[in-house]
Amino acid sequence: MMPSEKEAKPINMAIGKRVQELRKCHNITQEKLAIMLNISHRHMANIEAGTRGLTIENAKDLADIFSETLDYIYRGKTMSQNMPPICQLVANTIVHIQDEEQKDLYIDTILNLSNMMLKL
């Protein structure tokens, strides 16, 4: 069931704040991010202000642009919040690797190391 307009406002505001924080953290202007999402500058400003919600397509694009999960974009939760610290470190490292070959190599190395440790 879709949230009512009254329920959606605080949700949109929280999402908008996260989008703004991510944008600033990556040193991207609001105008440049709007271009990257193929939306108007006004639309981008409204998303950040919480007066307009995100489409799922925009959310997926934002997740790709900022190397974040949709769960973080929508709910502010990272996949590693409930993991032990060492797992958080590994997960956060993997999420931020841009090159897919490097990411695969890193994951394979971790899997090999895990298998070696299980044999000890």
PDB file of N, CA and C in Angstrom:
ATOM      1  N   MET A   1       0.833  -1.177   0.000  1.00  0.00           N
ATOM      2  CA  MET A   1       0.000   0.000   0.000  1.00  0.00           C
ATOM      3  C   MET A   1       0.883   1.247   0.000  1.00  0.00           C
ATOM      4  N   MET A   2       0.550   2.203  -0.808  1.00  0.00           N
ATOM      5  CA  MET A   2       1.317   3.443  -0.924  1.00  0.00           C
ATOM      6  C   MET A   2       1.061   4.323   0.296  1.00  0.00           C
ATOM      7  N   PRO A   3       2.086   5.030   0.773  1.00  0.00           N
ATOM      8  CA  PRO A   3       1.869   5.939   1.904  1.00  0.00           C
ATOM      9  C   PRO A   3       1.011   7.120   1.469  1.00  0.00           C
ATOM     10  N   SER A   4       0.236   7.647   2.420  1.00  0.00           N
ATOM     11  CA  SER A   4      -0.572   8.823   2.129  1.00  0.00           C
ATOM     12  C   SER A   4       0.358  10.002   1.895  1.00  0.00           C
ATOM     13  N   GLU A   5      -0.186  11.083   1.355  1.00  0.00           N
ATOM     14  CA  GLU A   5       0.628  12.275   1.105  1.00  0.00           C
ATOM     15  C   GLU A   5       1.240  12.788   2.399  1.00  0.00           C
ATOM     16  N   LYS A   6       0.472  12.707   3.498  1.00  0.00           N
ATOM     17  CA  LYS A   6       0.961  13.156   4.799  1.00  0.00           C
ATOM     18  C   LYS A   6       2.112  12.276   5.285  1.00  0.00           C
ATOM     19  N   GLU A   7       1.995  10.962   5.061  1.00  0.00           N
ATOM     20  CA  GLU A   7       3.046  10.029   5.465  1.00  0.00           C
ATOM     21  C   GLU A   7       4.275  10.143   4.577  1.00  0.00           C
ATOM     22  N   ALA A   8       4.066  10.472   3.299  1.00  0.00           N
ATOM     23  CA  ALA A   8       5.169  10.534   2.341  1.00  0.00           C
ATOM     24  C   ALA A   8       6.084  11.724   2.582  1.00  0.00           C
ATOM     25  N   LYS A   9       5.558  12.818   3.104  1.00  0.00           N
ATOM     26  CA  LYS A   9       6.366  14.033   3.257  1.00  0.00           C
ATOM     27  C   LYS A   9       7.619  13.809   4.110  1.00  0.00           C
ATOM     28  N   PRO A  10       7.508  13.255   5.340  1.00  0.00           N
ATOM     29  CA  PRO A  10       8.743  13.044   6.107  1.00  0.00           C
ATOM     30  C   PRO A  10       9.684  12.036   5.441  1.00  0.00           C
ATOM     31  N   ILE A  11       9.124  11.065   4.748  1.00  0.00           N
ATOM     32  CA  ILE A  11       9.946  10.080   4.037  1.00  0.00           C
ATOM     33  C   ILE A  11      10.722  10.782   2.922  1.00  0.00           C
ATOM     34  N   ASN A  12      10.007  11.603   2.139  1.00  0.00           N
ATOM     35  CA  ASN A  12      10.656  12.333   1.048  1.00  0.00           C
ATOM     36  C   ASN A  12      11.705  13.302   1.573  1.00  0.00           C
ATOM     37  N   MET A  13      11.442  13.912   2.715  1.00  0.00           N
ATOM     38  CA  MET A  13      12.409  14.846   3.293  1.00  0.00           C
ATOM     39  C   MET A  13      13.678  14.112   3.715  1.00  0.00           C
ATOM     40  N   ALA A  14      13.521  12.937   4.313  1.00  0.00           N
ATOM     41  CA  ALA A  14      14.678  12.147   4.741  1.00  0.00           C
ATOM     42  C   ALA A  14      15.491  11.678   3.529  1.00  0.00           C
ATOM     43  N   ILE A  15      14.795  11.228   2.489  1.00  0.00           N
ATOM     44  CA  ILE A  15      15.469  10.802   1.259  1.00  0.00           C
ATOM     45  C   ILE A  15      16.196  11.994   0.646  1.00  0.00           C
ATOM     46  N   GLY A  16      15.523  13.125   0.573  1.00  0.00           N
ATOM     47  CA  GLY A  16      16.124  14.328  -0.002  1.00  0.00           C
ATOM     48  C   GLY A  16      17.380  14.747   0.734  1.00  0.00           C
ATOM     49  N   LYS A  17      17.349  14.638   2.060  1.00  0.00           N
ATOM     50  CA  LYS A  17      18.522  15.001   2.861  1.00  0.00           C
ATOM     51  C   LYS A  17      19.683  14.063   2.554  1.00  0.00           C
ATOM     52  N   ARG A  18      19.398  12.747   2.442  1.00  0.00           N
ATOM     53  CA  ARG A  18      20.453  11.789   2.113  1.00  0.00           C
ATOM     54  C   ARG A  18      21.040  12.065   0.729  1.00  0.00           C
ATOM     55  N   VAL A  19      20.169  12.374  -0.235  1.00  0.00           N
ATOM     56  CA  VAL A  19      20.629  12.664  -1.593  1.00  0.00           C
ATOM     57  C   VAL A  19      21.537  13.900  -1.568  1.00  0.00           C
ATOM     58  N   GLN A  20      21.116  14.918  -0.848  1.00  0.00           N
ATOM     59  CA  GLN A  20      21.910  16.140  -0.755  1.00  0.00           C
ATOM     60  C   GLN A  20      23.269  15.866  -0.103  1.00  0.00           C
ATOM     61  N   GLU A  21      23.277  15.089   0.973  1.00  0.00           N
ATOM     62  CA  GLU A  21      24.533  14.758   1.650  1.00  0.00           C
ATOM     63  C   GLU A  21      25.472  13.982   0.731  1.00  0.00           C
ATOM     64  N   LEU A  22      24.921  13.023   0.000  1.00  0.00           N
ATOM     65  CA  LEU A  22      25.732  12.243  -0.931  1.00  0.00           C
ATOM     66  C   LEU A  22      26.292  13.136  -2.040  1.00  0.00           C
ATOM     67  N   ARG A  23      25.448  14.001  -2.565  1.00  0.00           N
ATOM     68  CA  ARG A  23      25.866  14.902  -3.646  1.00  0.00           C
ATOM     69  C   ARG A  23      27.014  15.793  -3.183  1.00  0.00           C
ATOM     70  N   LYS A  24      26.852  16.380  -2.009  1.00  0.00           N
ATOM     71  CA  LYS A  24      27.895  17.268  -1.482  1.00  0.00           C
ATOM     72  C   LYS A  24      29.172  16.497  -1.167  1.00  0.00           C
ATOM     73  N   CYS A  25      29.023  15.305  -0.627  1.00  0.00           N
ATOM     74  CA  CYS A  25      30.173  14.471  -0.287  1.00  0.00           C
ATOM     75  C   CYS A  25      30.988  14.134  -1.542  1.00  0.00           C
ATOM     76  N   HIS A  26      30.310  14.002  -2.672  1.00  0.00           N
ATOM     77  CA  HIS A  26      30.976  13.671  -3.933  1.00  0.00           C
ATOM     78  C   HIS A  26      31.317  14.917  -4.754  1.00  0.00           C
ATOM     79  N   ASN A  27      31.153  16.099  -4.152  1.00  0.00           N
ATOM     80  CA  ASN A  27      31.467  17.366  -4.818  1.00  0.00           C
ATOM     81  C   ASN A  27      30.787  17.513  -6.177  1.00  0.00           C
ATOM     82  N   ILE A  28      29.506  17.202  -6.199  1.00  0.00           N
ATOM     83  CA  ILE A  28      28.715  17.339  -7.416  1.00  0.00           C
ATOM     84  C   ILE A  28      27.685  18.441  -7.173  1.00  0.00           C
ATOM     85  N   THR A  29      27.546  19.336  -8.125  1.00  0.00           N
ATOM     86  CA  THR A  29      26.549  20.396  -7.983  1.00  0.00           C
ATOM     87  C   THR A  29      25.156  19.820  -8.218  1.00  0.00           C
ATOM     88  N   GLN A  30      24.173  20.517  -7.709  1.00  0.00           N
ATOM     89  CA  GLN A  30      22.792  20.104  -7.913  1.00  0.00           C
ATOM     90  C   GLN A  30      22.466  20.073  -9.405  1.00  0.00           C
ATOM     91  N   GLU A  31      22.950  21.076 -10.120  1.00  0.00           N
ATOM     92  CA  GLU A  31      22.694  21.155 -11.556  1.00  0.00           C
ATOM     93  C   GLU A  31      23.331  19.980 -12.304  1.00  0.00           C
ATOM     94  N   LYS A  32      24.573  19.637 -11.943  1.00  0.00           N
ATOM     95  CA  LYS A  32      25.251  18.518 -12.603  1.00  0.00           C
ATOM     96  C   LYS A  32      24.541  17.200 -12.309  1.00  0.00           C
ATOM     97  N   LEU A  33      24.102  17.008 -11.059  1.00  0.00           N
ATOM     98  CA  LEU A  33      23.388  15.780 -10.720  1.00  0.00           C
ATOM     99  C   LEU A  33      22.065  15.697 -11.486  1.00  0.00           C
ATOM    100  N   ALA A  34      21.396  16.820 -11.633  1.00  0.00           N
ATOM    101  CA  ALA A  34      20.144  16.845 -12.413  1.00  0.00           C
ATOM    102  C   ALA A  34      20.414  16.391 -13.846  1.00  0.00           C
ATOM    103  N   ILE A  35      21.502  16.869 -14.428  1.00  0.00           N
ATOM    104  CA  ILE A  35      21.864  16.474 -15.797  1.00  0.00           C
ATOM    105  C   ILE A  35      22.147  14.973 -15.842  1.00  0.00           C
ATOM    106  N   MET A  36      22.874  14.473 -14.846  1.00  0.00           N
ATOM    107  CA  MET A  36      23.203  13.049 -14.798  1.00  0.00           C
ATOM    108  C   MET A  36      21.946  12.182 -14.705  1.00  0.00           C
ATOM    109  N   LEU A  37      20.914  12.711 -14.041  1.00  0.00           N
ATOM    110  CA  LEU A  37      19.656  11.971 -13.875  1.00  0.00           C
ATOM    111  C   LEU A  37      18.654  12.255 -14.996  1.00  0.00           C
ATOM    112  N   ASN A  38      19.029  13.195 -15.884  1.00  0.00           N
ATOM    113  CA  ASN A  38      18.150  13.593 -16.981  1.00  0.00           C
ATOM    114  C   ASN A  38      16.826  14.178 -16.466  1.00  0.00           C
ATOM    115  N   ILE A  39      16.953  15.026 -15.442  1.00  0.00           N
ATOM    116  CA  ILE A  39      15.802  15.744 -14.900  1.00  0.00           C
ATOM    117  C   ILE A  39      16.156  17.230 -14.829  1.00  0.00           C
ATOM    118  N   SER A  40      15.158  18.070 -14.596  1.00  0.00           N
ATOM    119  CA  SER A  40      15.424  19.503 -14.513  1.00  0.00           C
ATOM    120  C   SER A  40      16.096  19.849 -13.181  1.00  0.00           C
ATOM    121  N   HIS A  41      16.765  20.991 -13.182  1.00  0.00           N
ATOM    122  CA  HIS A  41      17.403  21.479 -11.954  1.00  0.00           C
ATOM    123  C   HIS A  41      16.339  21.692 -10.876  1.00  0.00           C
ATOM    124  N   ARG A  42      15.181  22.220 -11.249  1.00  0.00           N
ATOM    125  CA  ARG A  42      14.086  22.451 -10.291  1.00  0.00           C
ATOM    126  C   ARG A  42      13.617  21.133  -9.680  1.00  0.00           C
ATOM    127  N   HIS A  43      13.494  20.108 -10.525  1.00  0.00           N
ATOM    128  CA  HIS A  43      13.084  18.782 -10.043  1.00  0.00           C
ATOM    129  C   HIS A  43      14.089  18.274  -9.013  1.00  0.00           C
ATOM    130  N   MET A  44      15.388  18.435  -9.326  1.00  0.00           N
ATOM    131  CA  MET A  44      16.436  17.997  -8.398  1.00  0.00           C
ATOM    132  C   MET A  44      16.336  18.758  -7.083  1.00  0.00           C
ATOM    133  N   ALA A  45      16.131  20.063  -7.154  1.00  0.00           N
ATOM    134  CA  ALA A  45      15.992  20.881  -5.949  1.00  0.00           C
ATOM    135  C   ALA A  45      14.793  20.419  -5.126  1.00  0.00           C
ATOM    136  N   ASN A  46      13.703  20.074  -5.792  1.00  0.00           N
ATOM    137  CA  ASN A  46      12.500  19.603  -5.089  1.00  0.00           C
ATOM    138  C   ASN A  46      12.721  18.245  -4.428  1.00  0.00           C
ATOM    139  N   ILE A  47      13.502  17.385  -5.066  1.00  0.00           N
ATOM    140  CA  ILE A  47      13.824  16.089  -4.448  1.00  0.00           C
ATOM    141  C   ILE A  47      14.607  16.331  -3.162  1.00  0.00           C
ATOM    142  N   GLU A  48      15.639  17.176  -3.245  1.00  0.00           N
ATOM    143  CA  GLU A  48      16.459  17.442  -2.063  1.00  0.00           C
ATOM    144  C   GLU A  48      15.669  18.152  -0.964  1.00  0.00           C
ATOM    145  N   ALA A  49      14.705  18.966  -1.354  1.00  0.00           N
ATOM    146  CA  ALA A  49      13.877  19.671  -0.361  1.00  0.00           C
ATOM    147  C   ALA A  49      12.806  18.763   0.233  1.00  0.00           C
ATOM    148  N   GLY A  50      12.603  17.608  -0.384  1.00  0.00           N
ATOM    149  CA  GLY A  50      11.601  16.673   0.115  1.00  0.00           C
ATOM    150  C   GLY A  50      10.200  16.963  -0.362  1.00  0.00           C
ATOM    151  N   THR A  51      10.051  17.874  -1.307  1.00  0.00           N
ATOM    152  CA  THR A  51       8.716  18.200  -1.820  1.00  0.00           C
ATOM    153  C   THR A  51       8.345  17.340  -3.014  1.00  0.00           C
ATOM    154  N   ARG A  52       9.302  16.538  -3.458  1.00  0.00           N
ATOM    155  CA  ARG A  52       9.043  15.632  -4.570  1.00  0.00           C
ATOM    156  C   ARG A  52       9.760  14.323  -4.290  1.00  0.00           C
ATOM    157  N   GLY A  53       9.094  13.224  -4.559  1.00  0.00           N
ATOM    158  CA  GLY A  53       9.687  11.913  -4.320  1.00  0.00           C
ATOM    159  C   GLY A  53      10.560  11.463  -5.475  1.00  0.00           C
ATOM    160  N   LEU A  54      11.265  10.382  -5.252  1.00  0.00           N
ATOM    161  CA  LEU A  54      12.125   9.790  -6.277  1.00  0.00           C
ATOM    162  C   LEU A  54      11.366   8.710  -7.031  1.00  0.00           C
ATOM    163  N   THR A  55      11.587   8.637  -8.319  1.00  0.00           N
ATOM    164  CA  THR A  55      11.118   7.464  -9.057  1.00  0.00           C
ATOM    165  C   THR A  55      12.098   6.338  -8.761  1.00  0.00           C
ATOM    166  N   ILE A  56      11.685   5.125  -8.975  1.00  0.00           N
ATOM    167  CA  ILE A  56      12.593   4.002  -8.740  1.00  0.00           C
ATOM    168  C   ILE A  56      13.777   4.094  -9.696  1.00  0.00           C
ATOM    169  N   GLU A  57      13.536   4.570 -10.919  1.00  0.00           N
ATOM    170  CA  GLU A  57      14.625   4.713 -11.890  1.00  0.00           C
ATOM    171  C   GLU A  57      15.650   5.739 -11.408  1.00  0.00           C
ATOM    172  N   ASN A  58      15.178   6.884 -10.899  1.00  0.00           N
ATOM    173  CA  ASN A  58      16.098   7.891 -10.361  1.00  0.00           C
ATOM    174  C   ASN A  58      16.857   7.345  -9.155  1.00  0.00           C
ATOM    175  N   ALA A  59      16.170   6.598  -8.313  1.00  0.00           N
ATOM    176  CA  ALA A  59      16.819   6.026  -7.129  1.00  0.00           C
ATOM    177  C   ALA A  59      17.912   5.048  -7.547  1.00  0.00           C
ATOM    178  N   LYS A  60      17.637   4.203  -8.550  1.00  0.00           N
ATOM    179  CA  LYS A  60      18.641   3.261  -9.037  1.00  0.00           C
ATOM    180  C   LYS A  60      19.834   4.008  -9.624  1.00  0.00           C
ATOM    181  N   ASP A  61      19.557   5.079 -10.378  1.00  0.00           N
ATOM    182  CA  ASP A  61      20.650   5.866 -10.949  1.00  0.00           C
ATOM    183  C   ASP A  61      21.492   6.513  -9.844  1.00  0.00           C
ATOM    184  N   LEU A  62      20.840   7.044  -8.821  1.00  0.00           N
ATOM    185  CA  LEU A  62      21.566   7.651  -7.702  1.00  0.00           C
ATOM    186  C   LEU A  62      22.434   6.617  -6.989  1.00  0.00           C
ATOM    187  N   ALA A  63      21.880   5.432  -6.784  1.00  0.00           N
ATOM    188  CA  ALA A  63      22.645   4.367  -6.131  1.00  0.00           C
ATOM    189  C   ALA A  63      23.895   4.044  -6.950  1.00  0.00           C
ATOM    190  N   ASP A  64      23.758   4.007  -8.270  1.00  0.00           N
ATOM    191  CA  ASP A  64      24.910   3.741  -9.136  1.00  0.00           C
ATOM    192  C   ASP A  64      25.908   4.897  -9.095  1.00  0.00           C
ATOM    193  N   ILE A  65      25.419   6.114  -9.200  1.00  0.00           N
ATOM    194  CA  ILE A  65      26.292   7.291  -9.213  1.00  0.00           C
ATOM    195  C   ILE A  65      27.119   7.369  -7.936  1.00  0.00           C
ATOM    196  N   PHE A  66      26.468   7.114  -6.797  1.00  0.00           N
ATOM    197  CA  PHE A  66      27.137   7.270  -5.507  1.00  0.00           C
ATOM    198  C   PHE A  66      27.670   5.957  -4.931  1.00  0.00           C
ATOM    199  N   SER A  67      27.564   4.879  -5.683  1.00  0.00           N
ATOM    200  CA  SER A  67      28.005   3.554  -5.213  1.00  0.00           C
ATOM    201  C   SER A  67      27.374   3.219  -3.867  1.00  0.00           C
ATOM    202  N   GLU A  68      26.085   3.413  -3.787  1.00  0.00           N
ATOM    203  CA  GLU A  68      25.320   3.102  -2.576  1.00  0.00           C
ATOM    204  C   GLU A  68      24.243   2.087  -2.919  1.00  0.00           C
ATOM    205  N   THR A  69      23.571   1.584  -1.910  1.00  0.00           N
ATOM    206  CA  THR A  69      22.473   0.652  -2.129  1.00  0.00           C
ATOM    207  C   THR A  69      21.155   1.418  -2.181  1.00  0.00           C
ATOM    208  N   LEU A  70      20.164   0.798  -2.806  1.00  0.00           N
ATOM    209  CA  LEU A  70      18.825   1.396  -2.788  1.00  0.00           C
ATOM    210  C   LEU A  70      18.308   1.478  -1.363  1.00  0.00           C
ATOM    211  N   ASP A  71      18.673   0.508  -0.542  1.00  0.00           N
ATOM    212  CA  ASP A  71      18.258   0.518   0.857  1.00  0.00           C
ATOM    213  C   ASP A  71      18.777   1.773   1.559  1.00  0.00           C
ATOM    214  N   TYR A  72      19.997   2.168   1.222  1.00  0.00           N
ATOM    215  CA  TYR A  72      20.522   3.401   1.820  1.00  0.00           C
ATOM    216  C   TYR A  72      19.780   4.627   1.272  1.00  0.00           C
ATOM    217  N   ILE A  73      19.574   4.677  -0.023  1.00  0.00           N
ATOM    218  CA  ILE A  73      18.883   5.825  -0.629  1.00  0.00           C
ATOM    219  C   ILE A  73      17.496   5.984  -0.011  1.00  0.00           C
ATOM    220  N   TYR A  74      16.753   4.900   0.090  1.00  0.00           N
ATOM    221  CA  TYR A  74      15.377   4.980   0.580  1.00  0.00           C
ATOM    222  C   TYR A  74      15.245   4.978   2.100  1.00  0.00           C
ATOM    223  N   ARG A  75      16.047   4.165   2.779  1.00  0.00           N
ATOM    224  CA  ARG A  75      15.836   4.001   4.217  1.00  0.00           C
ATOM    225  C   ARG A  75      16.995   4.461   5.087  1.00  0.00           C
ATOM    226  N   GLY A  76      18.116   4.813   4.468  1.00  0.00           N
ATOM    227  CA  GLY A  76      19.257   5.283   5.236  1.00  0.00           C
ATOM    228  C   GLY A  76      20.024   4.168   5.913  1.00  0.00           C
ATOM    229  N   LYS A  77      19.761   2.933   5.510  1.00  0.00           N
ATOM    230  CA  LYS A  77      20.424   1.793   6.132  1.00  0.00           C
ATOM    231  C   LYS A  77      21.464   1.228   5.190  1.00  0.00           C
ATOM    232  N   THR A  78      22.627   0.963   5.734  1.00  0.00           N
ATOM    233  CA  THR A  78      23.658   0.311   4.941  1.00  0.00           C
ATOM    234  C   THR A  78      23.577  -1.182   5.181  1.00  0.00           C
ATOM    235  N   MET A  79      24.089  -1.923   4.225  1.00  0.00           N
ATOM    236  CA  MET A  79      24.024  -3.377   4.365  1.00  0.00           C
ATOM    237  C   MET A  79      24.865  -3.873   5.520  1.00  0.00           C
ATOM    238  N   SER A  80      25.765  -3.048   5.991  1.00  0.00           N
ATOM    239  CA  SER A  80      26.707  -3.510   7.007  1.00  0.00           C
ATOM    240  C   SER A  80      26.348  -3.106   8.436  1.00  0.00           C
ATOM    241  N   GLN A  81      25.204  -2.470   8.655  1.00  0.00           N
ATOM    242  CA  GLN A  81      24.892  -1.972   9.994  1.00  0.00           C
ATOM    243  C   GLN A  81      24.830  -3.060  11.065  1.00  0.00           C
ATOM    244  N   ASN A  82      24.436  -4.268  10.691  1.00  0.00           N
ATOM    245  CA  ASN A  82      24.297  -5.321  11.687  1.00  0.00           C
ATOM    246  C   ASN A  82      25.419  -6.352  11.618  1.00  0.00           C
ATOM    247  N   MET A  83      26.500  -5.999  10.944  1.00  0.00           N
ATOM    248  CA  MET A  83      27.623  -6.921  10.793  1.00  0.00           C
ATOM    249  C   MET A  83      28.724  -6.607  11.807  1.00  0.00           C
ATOM    250  N   PRO A  84      29.565  -7.607  12.090  1.00  0.00           N
ATOM    251  CA  PRO A  84      30.741  -7.326  12.920  1.00  0.00           C
ATOM    252  C   PRO A  84      31.630  -6.292  12.221  1.00  0.00           C
ATOM    253  N   PRO A  85      32.445  -5.554  12.976  1.00  0.00           N
ATOM    254  CA  PRO A  85      33.261  -4.481  12.393  1.00  0.00           C
ATOM    255  C   PRO A  85      34.124  -4.901  11.208  1.00  0.00           C
ATOM    256  N   ILE A  86      34.743  -6.078  11.258  1.00  0.00           N
ATOM    257  CA  ILE A  86      35.599  -6.491  10.147  1.00  0.00           C
ATOM    258  C   ILE A  86      34.768  -6.709   8.889  1.00  0.00           C
ATOM    259  N   CYS A  87      33.567  -7.236   9.050  1.00  0.00           N
ATOM    260  CA  CYS A  87      32.676  -7.442   7.899  1.00  0.00           C
ATOM    261  C   CYS A  87      32.196  -6.097   7.354  1.00  0.00           C
ATOM    262  N   GLN A  88      31.960  -5.136   8.239  1.00  0.00           N
ATOM    263  CA  GLN A  88      31.570  -3.798   7.792  1.00  0.00           C
ATOM    264  C   GLN A  88      32.663  -3.193   6.926  1.00  0.00           C
ATOM    265  N   LEU A  89      33.903  -3.346   7.370  1.00  0.00           N
ATOM    266  CA  LEU A  89      35.032  -2.805   6.620  1.00  0.00           C
ATOM    267  C   LEU A  89      35.104  -3.422   5.229  1.00  0.00           C
ATOM    268  N   VAL A  90      34.994  -4.733   5.156  1.00  0.00           N
ATOM    269  CA  VAL A  90      35.062  -5.428   3.871  1.00  0.00           C
ATOM    270  C   VAL A  90      33.889  -5.021   2.983  1.00  0.00           C
ATOM    271  N   ALA A  91      32.682  -5.009   3.525  1.00  0.00           N
ATOM    272  CA  ALA A  91      31.495  -4.646   2.740  1.00  0.00           C
ATOM    273  C   ALA A  91      31.590  -3.223   2.216  1.00  0.00           C
ATOM    274  N   ASN A  92      32.002  -2.298   3.062  1.00  0.00           N
ATOM    275  CA  ASN A  92      32.121  -0.905   2.630  1.00  0.00           C
ATOM    276  C   ASN A  92      33.203  -0.742   1.577  1.00  0.00           C
ATOM    277  N   THR A  93      34.264  -1.513   1.678  1.00  0.00           N
ATOM    278  CA  THR A  93      35.320  -1.457   0.669  1.00  0.00           C
ATOM    279  C   THR A  93      34.804  -1.956  -0.668  1.00  0.00           C
ATOM    280  N   ILE A  94      34.119  -3.087  -0.658  1.00  0.00           N
ATOM    281  CA  ILE A  94      33.597  -3.664  -1.902  1.00  0.00           C
ATOM    282  C   ILE A  94      32.603  -2.726  -2.570  1.00  0.00           C
ATOM    283  N   VAL A  95      31.716  -2.145  -1.801  1.00  0.00           N
ATOM    284  CA  VAL A  95      30.688  -1.255  -2.352  1.00  0.00           C
ATOM    285  C   VAL A  95      31.314  -0.069  -3.076  1.00  0.00           C
ATOM    286  N   HIS A  96      32.454   0.395  -2.613  1.00  0.00           N
ATOM    287  CA  HIS A  96      33.042   1.604  -3.187  1.00  0.00           C
ATOM    288  C   HIS A  96      34.084   1.348  -4.281  1.00  0.00           C
ATOM    289  N   ILE A  97      34.295   0.090  -4.652  1.00  0.00           N
ATOM    290  CA  ILE A  97      35.194  -0.209  -5.766  1.00  0.00           C
ATOM    291  C   ILE A  97      34.422   0.024  -7.063  1.00  0.00           C
ATOM    292  N   GLN A  98      34.931   0.912  -7.891  1.00  0.00           N
ATOM    293  CA  GLN A  98      34.246   1.279  -9.133  1.00  0.00           C
ATOM    294  C   GLN A  98      34.459   0.258 -10.247  1.00  0.00           C
ATOM    295  N   ASP A  99      35.665  -0.224 -10.392  1.00  0.00           N
ATOM    296  CA  ASP A  99      36.019  -1.137 -11.472  1.00  0.00           C
ATOM    297  C   ASP A  99      35.479  -2.536 -11.155  1.00  0.00           C
ATOM    298  N   GLU A 100      34.643  -3.071 -12.043  1.00  0.00           N
ATOM    299  CA  GLU A 100      34.013  -4.376 -11.799  1.00  0.00           C
ATOM    300  C   GLU A 100      35.031  -5.512 -11.730  1.00  0.00           C
ATOM    301  N   GLU A 101      36.085  -5.454 -12.545  1.00  0.00           N
ATOM    302  CA  GLU A 101      37.110  -6.498 -12.497  1.00  0.00           C
ATOM    303  C   GLU A 101      37.836  -6.471 -11.155  1.00  0.00           C
ATOM    304  N   GLN A 102      38.143  -5.267 -10.671  1.00  0.00           N
ATOM    305  CA  GLN A 102      38.793  -5.128  -9.367  1.00  0.00           C
ATOM    306  C   GLN A 102      37.872  -5.657  -8.260  1.00  0.00           C
ATOM    307  N   LYS A 103      36.582  -5.323  -8.374  1.00  0.00           N
ATOM    308  CA  LYS A 103      35.614  -5.778  -7.377  1.00  0.00           C
ATOM    309  C   LYS A 103      35.570  -7.311  -7.358  1.00  0.00           C
ATOM    310  N   ASP A 104      35.505  -7.939  -8.544  1.00  0.00           N
ATOM    311  CA  ASP A 104      35.470  -9.402  -8.629  1.00  0.00           C
ATOM    312  C   ASP A 104      36.740 -10.019  -8.058  1.00  0.00           C
ATOM    313  N   LEU A 105      37.879  -9.421  -8.355  1.00  0.00           N
ATOM    314  CA  LEU A 105      39.156  -9.914  -7.837  1.00  0.00           C
ATOM    315  C   LEU A 105      39.187  -9.834  -6.307  1.00  0.00           C
ATOM    316  N   TYR A 106      38.714  -8.719  -5.769  1.00  0.00           N
ATOM    317  CA  TYR A 106      38.670  -8.526  -4.318  1.00  0.00           C
ATOM    318  C   TYR A 106      37.767  -9.582  -3.671  1.00  0.00           C
ATOM    319  N   ILE A 107      36.601  -9.797  -4.248  1.00  0.00           N
ATOM    320  CA  ILE A 107      35.652 -10.791  -3.704  1.00  0.00           C
ATOM    321  C   ILE A 107      36.246 -12.197  -3.782  1.00  0.00           C
ATOM    322  N   ASP A 108      36.861 -12.533  -4.926  1.00  0.00           N
ATOM    323  CA  ASP A 108      37.487 -13.853  -5.064  1.00  0.00           C
ATOM    324  C   ASP A 108      38.584 -14.058  -4.023  1.00  0.00           C
ATOM    325  N   THR A 109      39.383 -13.026  -3.789  1.00  0.00           N
ATOM    326  CA  THR A 109      40.451 -13.110  -2.796  1.00  0.00           C
ATOM    327  C   THR A 109      39.881 -13.362  -1.405  1.00  0.00           C
ATOM    328  N   ILE A 110      38.811 -12.665  -1.076  1.00  0.00           N
ATOM    329  CA  ILE A 110      38.170 -12.847   0.236  1.00  0.00           C
ATOM    330  C   ILE A 110      37.606 -14.258   0.363  1.00  0.00           C
ATOM    331  N   LEU A 111      36.977 -14.745  -0.692  1.00  0.00           N
ATOM    332  CA  LEU A 111      36.428 -16.103  -0.660  1.00  0.00           C
ATOM    333  C   LEU A 111      37.532 -17.136  -0.496  1.00  0.00           C
ATOM    334  N   ASN A 112      38.629 -16.976  -1.212  1.00  0.00           N
ATOM    335  CA  ASN A 112      39.762 -17.906  -1.082  1.00  0.00           C
ATOM    336  C   ASN A 112      40.338 -17.867   0.326  1.00  0.00           C
ATOM    337  N   LEU A 113      40.502 -16.672   0.868  1.00  0.00           N
ATOM    338  CA  LEU A 113      41.005 -16.527   2.232  1.00  0.00           C
ATOM    339  C   LEU A 113      40.058 -17.188   3.240  1.00  0.00           C
ATOM    340  N   SER A 114      38.770 -16.990   3.046  1.00  0.00           N
ATOM    341  CA  SER A 114      37.775 -17.621   3.938  1.00  0.00           C
ATOM    342  C   SER A 114      37.858 -19.127   3.876  1.00  0.00           C
ATOM    343  N   ASN A 115      37.969 -19.666   2.676  1.00  0.00           N
ATOM    344  CA  ASN A 115      38.079 -21.129   2.514  1.00  0.00           C
ATOM    345  C   ASN A 115      39.337 -21.663   3.164  1.00  0.00           C
ATOM    346  N   MET A 116      40.450 -20.930   3.039  1.00  0.00           N
ATOM    347  CA  MET A 116      41.700 -21.344   3.688  1.00  0.00           C
ATOM    348  C   MET A 116      41.539 -21.342   5.195  1.00  0.00           C
ATOM    349  N   MET A 117      40.884 -20.349   5.733  1.00  0.00           N
ATOM    350  CA  MET A 117      40.701 -20.245   7.189  1.00  0.00           C
ATOM    351  C   MET A 117      39.801 -21.341   7.711  1.00  0.00           C
ATOM    352  N   LEU A 118      38.815 -21.761   6.922  1.00  0.00           N
ATOM    353  CA  LEU A 118      37.921 -22.837   7.344  1.00  0.00           C
ATOM    354  C   LEU A 118      38.667 -24.173   7.457  1.00  0.00           C
ATOM    355  N   LYS A 119      39.720 -24.326   6.694  1.00  0.00           N
ATOM    356  CA  LYS A 119      40.500 -25.571   6.707  1.00  0.00           C
ATOM    357  C   LYS A 119      41.489 -25.628   7.855  1.00  0.00           C
ATOM    358  N   LEU A 120      41.689 -24.520   8.558  1.00  0.00           N
ATOM    359  CA  LEU A 120      42.635 -24.502   9.685  1.00  0.00           C
ATOM    360  C   LEU A 120      42.133 -25.316  10.857  1.00  0.00           C
TER     361      LEU A 120
END
